[in-house]
Amino acid sequence: MLQEHRDGFIDELWLDHDLGGDDSIMPVVTLLEEAAFNGQPFHIGAIFVHSANPIGAETVVRVLARWHYRVLRAVA
C-alpha cells in the first residue's frame, strides 16, 4: 500500500505492533525509516500507533519520531 502511494500524501497511517503469531509491523517501520534515511520520507500527515504491546508500540513511536514522522500513540 505504501509503495502504491509513494508519490502522494497519506493523511493518516494506523499501525499495530503485533500482527498475530510472530509477525509484527517492524518491516513496515523499517521501510519508512529507510526512506527517511535516504532523504525521501513518505509524506504522511500522522502515524497513529495502537497496540496492546506497550514495549512494541514505544519502539515504533521512538524509531519513527527519530526520522521526524509525526507519530502519536493511540490509547483506549
PDB file of N, CA and C in Angstrom:
ATOM      1  N   MET A   1       0.821  -1.182   0.000  1.00  0.00           N
ATOM      2  CA  MET A   1       0.000   0.000   0.000  1.00  0.00           C
ATOM      3  C   MET A   1       0.870   1.252   0.000  1.00  0.00           C
ATOM      4  N   LEU A   2       1.898   1.256   0.808  1.00  0.00           N
ATOM      5  CA  LEU A   2       2.768   2.435   0.852  1.00  0.00           C
ATOM      6  C   LEU A   2       3.432   2.690  -0.499  1.00  0.00           C
ATOM      7  N   GLN A   3       3.901   1.652  -1.141  1.00  0.00           N
ATOM      8  CA  GLN A   3       4.549   1.840  -2.442  1.00  0.00           C
ATOM      9  C   GLN A   3       3.565   2.369  -3.489  1.00  0.00           C
ATOM     10  N   GLU A   4       2.308   1.958  -3.415  1.00  0.00           N
ATOM     11  CA  GLU A   4       1.303   2.442  -4.362  1.00  0.00           C
ATOM     12  C   GLU A   4       1.060   3.936  -4.197  1.00  0.00           C
ATOM     13  N   HIS A   5       1.242   4.450  -2.999  1.00  0.00           N
ATOM     14  CA  HIS A   5       1.005   5.860  -2.705  1.00  0.00           C
ATOM     15  C   HIS A   5       2.319   6.602  -2.458  1.00  0.00           C
ATOM     16  N   ARG A   6       3.395   6.096  -2.992  1.00  0.00           N
ATOM     17  CA  ARG A   6       4.733   6.634  -2.728  1.00  0.00           C
ATOM     18  C   ARG A   6       4.841   8.121  -3.027  1.00  0.00           C
ATOM     19  N   ASP A   7       4.267   8.564  -4.118  1.00  0.00           N
ATOM     20  CA  ASP A   7       4.402   9.965  -4.523  1.00  0.00           C
ATOM     21  C   ASP A   7       3.244  10.836  -4.066  1.00  0.00           C
ATOM     22  N   GLY A   8       2.318  10.280  -3.310  1.00  0.00           N
ATOM     23  CA  GLY A   8       1.162  11.038  -2.843  1.00  0.00           C
ATOM     24  C   GLY A   8       1.279  11.389  -1.377  1.00  0.00           C
ATOM     25  N   PHE A   9       0.194  11.889  -0.845  1.00  0.00           N
ATOM     26  CA  PHE A   9       0.117  12.259   0.561  1.00  0.00           C
ATOM     27  C   PHE A   9      -0.859  11.321   1.251  1.00  0.00           C
ATOM     28  N   ILE A  10      -0.449  10.767   2.362  1.00  0.00           N
ATOM     29  CA  ILE A  10      -1.300   9.887   3.166  1.00  0.00           C
ATOM     30  C   ILE A  10      -1.697  10.669   4.408  1.00  0.00           C
ATOM     31  N   ASP A  11      -2.995  10.910   4.583  1.00  0.00           N
ATOM     32  CA  ASP A  11      -3.467  11.689   5.736  1.00  0.00           C
ATOM     33  C   ASP A  11      -3.111  11.013   7.049  1.00  0.00           C
ATOM     34  N   GLU A  12      -3.495   9.753   7.173  1.00  0.00           N
ATOM     35  CA  GLU A  12      -3.274   9.003   8.409  1.00  0.00           C
ATOM     36  C   GLU A  12      -2.818   7.594   8.084  1.00  0.00           C
ATOM     37  N   LEU A  13      -1.912   7.099   8.900  1.00  0.00           N
ATOM     38  CA  LEU A  13      -1.480   5.712   8.808  1.00  0.00           C
ATOM     39  C   LEU A  13      -1.584   5.133  10.210  1.00  0.00           C
ATOM     40  N   TRP A  14      -2.342   4.059  10.355  1.00  0.00           N
ATOM     41  CA  TRP A  14      -2.539   3.410  11.655  1.00  0.00           C
ATOM     42  C   TRP A  14      -1.731   2.125  11.671  1.00  0.00           C
ATOM     43  N   LEU A  15      -0.896   1.965  12.693  1.00  0.00           N
ATOM     44  CA  LEU A  15      -0.040   0.792  12.815  1.00  0.00           C
ATOM     45  C   LEU A  15      -0.272   0.095  14.148  1.00  0.00           C
ATOM     46  N   ASP A  16      -0.328  -1.220  14.112  1.00  0.00           N
ATOM     47  CA  ASP A  16      -0.406  -2.048  15.314  1.00  0.00           C
ATOM     48  C   ASP A  16       0.871  -2.874  15.341  1.00  0.00           C
ATOM     49  N   HIS A  17       1.592  -2.868  16.439  1.00  0.00           N
ATOM     50  CA  HIS A  17       2.858  -3.583  16.500  1.00  0.00           C
ATOM     51  C   HIS A  17       2.687  -5.068  16.250  1.00  0.00           C
ATOM     52  N   ASP A  18       1.805  -5.717  16.975  1.00  0.00           N
ATOM     53  CA  ASP A  18       1.631  -7.166  16.863  1.00  0.00           C
ATOM     54  C   ASP A  18       0.570  -7.499  15.830  1.00  0.00           C
ATOM     55  N   LEU A  19       0.952  -8.344  14.861  1.00  0.00           N
ATOM     56  CA  LEU A  19       0.019  -8.696  13.787  1.00  0.00           C
ATOM     57  C   LEU A  19      -0.486 -10.122  13.888  1.00  0.00           C
ATOM     58  N   GLY A  20      -0.074 -10.837  14.902  1.00  0.00           N
ATOM     59  CA  GLY A  20      -0.503 -12.222  15.081  1.00  0.00           C
ATOM     60  C   GLY A  20       0.664 -13.166  14.885  1.00  0.00           C
ATOM     61  N   GLY A  21       0.705 -14.198  15.673  1.00  0.00           N
ATOM     62  CA  GLY A  21       1.832 -15.127  15.596  1.00  0.00           C
ATOM     63  C   GLY A  21       3.127 -14.397  15.906  1.00  0.00           C
ATOM     64  N   ASP A  22       4.126 -14.657  15.090  1.00  0.00           N
ATOM     65  CA  ASP A  22       5.405 -13.980  15.255  1.00  0.00           C
ATOM     66  C   ASP A  22       5.525 -12.731  14.387  1.00  0.00           C
ATOM     67  N   ASP A  23       4.460 -12.372  13.672  1.00  0.00           N
ATOM     68  CA  ASP A  23       4.502 -11.219  12.769  1.00  0.00           C
ATOM     69  C   ASP A  23       4.334  -9.912  13.526  1.00  0.00           C
ATOM     70  N   SER A  24       5.085  -8.908  13.084  1.00  0.00           N
ATOM     71  CA  SER A  24       4.951  -7.567  13.648  1.00  0.00           C
ATOM     72  C   SER A  24       4.994  -6.546  12.519  1.00  0.00           C
ATOM     73  N   ILE A  25       4.756  -5.309  12.853  1.00  0.00           N
ATOM     74  CA  ILE A  25       4.735  -4.210  11.890  1.00  0.00           C
ATOM     75  C   ILE A  25       6.144  -3.716  11.567  1.00  0.00           C
ATOM     76  N   MET A  26       7.161  -4.274  12.213  1.00  0.00           N
ATOM     77  CA  MET A  26       8.521  -3.753  12.070  1.00  0.00           C
ATOM     78  C   MET A  26       9.051  -3.715  10.630  1.00  0.00           C
ATOM     79  N   PRO A  27       8.692  -4.640   9.728  1.00  0.00           N
ATOM     80  CA  PRO A  27       9.151  -4.465   8.336  1.00  0.00           C
ATOM     81  C   PRO A  27       8.625  -3.169   7.702  1.00  0.00           C
ATOM     82  N   VAL A  28       7.420  -2.770   8.060  1.00  0.00           N
ATOM     83  CA  VAL A  28       6.865  -1.501   7.552  1.00  0.00           C
ATOM     84  C   VAL A  28       7.604  -0.331   8.180  1.00  0.00           C
ATOM     85  N   VAL A  29       7.897  -0.421   9.469  1.00  0.00           N
ATOM     86  CA  VAL A  29       8.645   0.631  10.161  1.00  0.00           C
ATOM     87  C   VAL A  29      10.029   0.777   9.526  1.00  0.00           C
ATOM     88  N   THR A  30      10.661  -0.331   9.205  1.00  0.00           N
ATOM     89  CA  THR A  30      11.970  -0.294   8.550  1.00  0.00           C
ATOM     90  C   THR A  30      11.887   0.368   7.184  1.00  0.00           C
ATOM     91  N   LEU A  31      10.836   0.076   6.430  1.00  0.00           N
ATOM     92  CA  LEU A  31      10.629   0.710   5.128  1.00  0.00           C
ATOM     93  C   LEU A  31      10.524   2.231   5.277  1.00  0.00           C
ATOM     94  N   LEU A  32       9.731   2.685   6.250  1.00  0.00           N
ATOM     95  CA  LEU A  32       9.582   4.127   6.493  1.00  0.00           C
ATOM     96  C   LEU A  32      10.907   4.745   6.938  1.00  0.00           C
ATOM     97  N   GLU A  33      11.610   4.045   7.795  1.00  0.00           N
ATOM     98  CA  GLU A  33      12.903   4.521   8.299  1.00  0.00           C
ATOM     99  C   GLU A  33      13.928   4.632   7.171  1.00  0.00           C
ATOM    100  N   GLU A  34      14.030   3.619   6.332  1.00  0.00           N
ATOM    101  CA  GLU A  34      14.987   3.637   5.229  1.00  0.00           C
ATOM    102  C   GLU A  34      14.670   4.748   4.230  1.00  0.00           C
ATOM    103  N   ALA A  35      13.383   4.986   3.982  1.00  0.00           N
ATOM    104  CA  ALA A  35      13.002   6.071   3.069  1.00  0.00           C
ATOM    105  C   ALA A  35      13.477   7.412   3.614  1.00  0.00           C
ATOM    106  N   ALA A  36      13.287   7.640   4.900  1.00  0.00           N
ATOM    107  CA  ALA A  36      13.734   8.887   5.519  1.00  0.00           C
ATOM    108  C   ALA A  36      15.256   8.979   5.512  1.00  0.00           C
ATOM    109  N   PHE A  37      15.933   7.891   5.814  1.00  0.00           N
ATOM    110  CA  PHE A  37      17.392   7.862   5.807  1.00  0.00           C
ATOM    111  C   PHE A  37      17.935   8.248   4.435  1.00  0.00           C
ATOM    112  N   ASN A  38      17.249   7.805   3.382  1.00  0.00           N
ATOM    113  CA  ASN A  38      17.667   8.098   2.012  1.00  0.00           C
ATOM    114  C   ASN A  38      17.201   9.464   1.525  1.00  0.00           C
ATOM    115  N   GLY A  39      16.624  10.255   2.410  1.00  0.00           N
ATOM    116  CA  GLY A  39      16.200  11.602   2.048  1.00  0.00           C
ATOM    117  C   GLY A  39      14.893  11.671   1.291  1.00  0.00           C
ATOM    118  N   GLN A  40      14.124  10.574   1.308  1.00  0.00           N
ATOM    119  CA  GLN A  40      12.853  10.528   0.600  1.00  0.00           C
ATOM    120  C   GLN A  40      11.768   9.967   1.504  1.00  0.00           C
ATOM    121  N   PRO A  41      11.496  10.648   2.629  1.00  0.00           N
ATOM    122  CA  PRO A  41      10.478  10.118   3.540  1.00  0.00           C
ATOM    123  C   PRO A  41       9.104  10.109   2.881  1.00  0.00           C
ATOM    124  N   PHE A  42       8.279   9.208   3.344  1.00  0.00           N
ATOM    125  CA  PHE A  42       6.894   9.194   2.886  1.00  0.00           C
ATOM    126  C   PHE A  42       6.195  10.425   3.428  1.00  0.00           C
ATOM    127  N   HIS A  43       5.267  10.964   2.671  1.00  0.00           N
ATOM    128  CA  HIS A  43       4.516  12.149   3.081  1.00  0.00           C
ATOM    129  C   HIS A  43       3.244  11.686   3.794  1.00  0.00           C
ATOM    130  N   ILE A  44       3.316  11.678   5.116  1.00  0.00           N
ATOM    131  CA  ILE A  44       2.223  11.174   5.942  1.00  0.00           C
ATOM    132  C   ILE A  44       1.872  12.243   6.962  1.00  0.00           C
ATOM    133  N   GLY A  45       0.590  12.602   7.035  1.00  0.00           N
ATOM    134  CA  GLY A  45       0.156  13.614   7.990  1.00  0.00           C
ATOM    135  C   GLY A  45       0.395  13.186   9.420  1.00  0.00           C
ATOM    136  N   ALA A  46      -0.049  11.994   9.783  1.00  0.00           N
ATOM    137  CA  ALA A  46       0.147  11.484  11.136  1.00  0.00           C
ATOM    138  C   ALA A  46       0.145   9.966  11.104  1.00  0.00           C
ATOM    139  N   ILE A  47       1.020   9.403  11.914  1.00  0.00           N
ATOM    140  CA  ILE A  47       1.065   7.956  12.102  1.00  0.00           C
ATOM    141  C   ILE A  47       0.571   7.680  13.513  1.00  0.00           C
ATOM    142  N   PHE A  48      -0.479   6.894  13.614  1.00  0.00           N
ATOM    143  CA  PHE A  48      -1.048   6.517  14.912  1.00  0.00           C
ATOM    144  C   PHE A  48      -0.625   5.083  15.226  1.00  0.00           C
ATOM    145  N   VAL A  49      -0.043   4.890  16.385  1.00  0.00           N
ATOM    146  CA  VAL A  49       0.386   3.566  16.813  1.00  0.00           C
ATOM    147  C   VAL A  49      -0.563   3.093  17.907  1.00  0.00           C
ATOM    148  N   HIS A  50      -1.241   1.993  17.639  1.00  0.00           N
ATOM    149  CA  HIS A  50      -2.152   1.410  18.621  1.00  0.00           C
ATOM    150  C   HIS A  50      -1.742  -0.038  18.802  1.00  0.00           C
ATOM    151  N   SER A  51      -1.532  -0.427  20.033  1.00  0.00           N
ATOM    152  CA  SER A  51      -1.095  -1.786  20.286  1.00  0.00           C
ATOM    153  C   SER A  51      -1.306  -2.123  21.755  1.00  0.00           C
ATOM    154  N   ALA A  52      -1.638  -3.371  22.013  1.00  0.00           N
ATOM    155  CA  ALA A  52      -1.728  -3.848  23.388  1.00  0.00           C
ATOM    156  C   ALA A  52      -0.333  -4.184  23.926  1.00  0.00           C
ATOM    157  N   ASN A  53       0.668  -4.072  23.077  1.00  0.00           N
ATOM    158  CA  ASN A  53       2.047  -4.350  23.444  1.00  0.00           C
ATOM    159  C   ASN A  53       2.757  -3.012  23.694  1.00  0.00           C
ATOM    160  N   PRO A  54       2.850  -2.561  24.938  1.00  0.00           N
ATOM    161  CA  PRO A  54       3.411  -1.228  25.204  1.00  0.00           C
ATOM    162  C   PRO A  54       4.875  -1.088  24.797  1.00  0.00           C
ATOM    163  N   ILE A  55       5.660  -2.131  24.950  1.00  0.00           N
ATOM    164  CA  ILE A  55       7.073  -2.047  24.566  1.00  0.00           C
ATOM    165  C   ILE A  55       7.204  -1.977  23.048  1.00  0.00           C
ATOM    166  N   GLY A  56       6.445  -2.801  22.351  1.00  0.00           N
ATOM    167  CA  GLY A  56       6.465  -2.767  20.888  1.00  0.00           C
ATOM    168  C   GLY A  56       5.979  -1.442  20.342  1.00  0.00           C
ATOM    169  N   ALA A  57       4.893  -0.921  20.914  1.00  0.00           N
ATOM    170  CA  ALA A  57       4.353   0.358  20.466  1.00  0.00           C
ATOM    171  C   ALA A  57       5.359   1.482  20.692  1.00  0.00           C
ATOM    172  N   GLU A  58       6.019   1.489  21.849  1.00  0.00           N
ATOM    173  CA  GLU A  58       7.006   2.525  22.140  1.00  0.00           C
ATOM    174  C   GLU A  58       8.194   2.443  21.187  1.00  0.00           C
ATOM    175  N   THR A  59       8.577   1.240  20.801  1.00  0.00           N
ATOM    176  CA  THR A  59       9.658   1.075  19.832  1.00  0.00           C
ATOM    177  C   THR A  59       9.280   1.705  18.501  1.00  0.00           C
ATOM    178  N   VAL A  60       8.069   1.442  18.033  1.00  0.00           N
ATOM    179  CA  VAL A  60       7.601   2.018  16.771  1.00  0.00           C
ATOM    180  C   VAL A  60       7.598   3.544  16.860  1.00  0.00           C
ATOM    181  N   VAL A  61       7.044   4.082  17.936  1.00  0.00           N
ATOM    182  CA  VAL A  61       6.977   5.539  18.115  1.00  0.00           C
ATOM    183  C   VAL A  61       8.385   6.131  18.119  1.00  0.00           C
ATOM    184  N   ARG A  62       9.273   5.543  18.887  1.00  0.00           N
ATOM    185  CA  ARG A  62      10.638   6.068  19.018  1.00  0.00           C
ATOM    186  C   ARG A  62      11.383   6.055  17.682  1.00  0.00           C
ATOM    187  N   VAL A  63      11.300   4.945  16.954  1.00  0.00           N
ATOM    188  CA  VAL A  63      12.011   4.834  15.678  1.00  0.00           C
ATOM    189  C   VAL A  63      11.495   5.854  14.677  1.00  0.00           C
ATOM    190  N   LEU A  64      10.175   5.955  14.538  1.00  0.00           N
ATOM    191  CA  LEU A  64       9.623   6.858  13.530  1.00  0.00           C
ATOM    192  C   LEU A  64       9.778   8.330  13.920  1.00  0.00           C
ATOM    193  N   ALA A  65       9.669   8.638  15.194  1.00  0.00           N
ATOM    194  CA  ALA A  65       9.860  10.025  15.631  1.00  0.00           C
ATOM    195  C   ALA A  65      11.296  10.470  15.381  1.00  0.00           C
ATOM    196  N   ARG A  66      12.230   9.559  15.507  1.00  0.00           N
ATOM    197  CA  ARG A  66      13.633   9.881  15.237  1.00  0.00           C
ATOM    198  C   ARG A  66      13.818  10.416  13.823  1.00  0.00           C
ATOM    199  N   TRP A  67      12.996   9.935  12.893  1.00  0.00           N
ATOM    200  CA  TRP A  67      13.094  10.350  11.494  1.00  0.00           C
ATOM    201  C   TRP A  67      12.091  11.446  11.157  1.00  0.00           C
ATOM    202  N   HIS A  68      11.568  12.085  12.171  1.00  0.00           N
ATOM    203  CA  HIS A  68      10.705  13.266  12.041  1.00  0.00           C
ATOM    204  C   HIS A  68       9.338  12.987  11.434  1.00  0.00           C
ATOM    205  N   TYR A  69       8.892  11.744  11.518  1.00  0.00           N
ATOM    206  CA  TYR A  69       7.495  11.474  11.192  1.00  0.00           C
ATOM    207  C   TYR A  69       6.665  11.947  12.380  1.00  0.00           C
ATOM    208  N   ARG A  70       5.467  12.417  12.116  1.00  0.00           N
ATOM    209  CA  ARG A  70       4.556  12.819  13.192  1.00  0.00           C
ATOM    210  C   ARG A  70       3.878  11.551  13.698  1.00  0.00           C
ATOM    211  N   VAL A  71       4.284  11.099  14.864  1.00  0.00           N
ATOM    212  CA  VAL A  71       3.816   9.824  15.410  1.00  0.00           C
ATOM    213  C   VAL A  71       3.078  10.075  16.718  1.00  0.00           C
ATOM    214  N   LEU A  72       1.902   9.478  16.842  1.00  0.00           N
ATOM    215  CA  LEU A  72       1.099   9.613  18.054  1.00  0.00           C
ATOM    216  C   LEU A  72       0.729   8.235  18.558  1.00  0.00           C
ATOM    217  N   ARG A  73       0.747   8.074  19.862  1.00  0.00           N
ATOM    218  CA  ARG A  73       0.339   6.813  20.464  1.00  0.00           C
ATOM    219  C   ARG A  73      -1.151   6.881  20.731  1.00  0.00           C
ATOM    220  N   ALA A  74      -1.921   6.034  20.099  1.00  0.00           N
ATOM    221  CA  ALA A  74      -3.365   5.976  20.298  1.00  0.00           C
ATOM    222  C   ALA A  74      -3.652   4.989  21.426  1.00  0.00           C
ATOM    223  N   VAL A  75      -4.341   5.444  22.441  1.00  0.00           N
ATOM    224  CA  VAL A  75      -4.681   4.590  23.566  1.00  0.00           C
ATOM    225  C   VAL A  75      -6.184   4.598  23.773  1.00  0.00           C
ATOM    226  N   ALA A  76      -6.685   3.480  24.298  1.00  0.00           N
ATOM    227  CA  ALA A  76      -8.123   3.381  24.548  1.00  0.00           C
ATOM    228  C   ALA A  76      -8.459   3.959  25.906  1.00  0.00           C
TER     229      ALA A  76
END
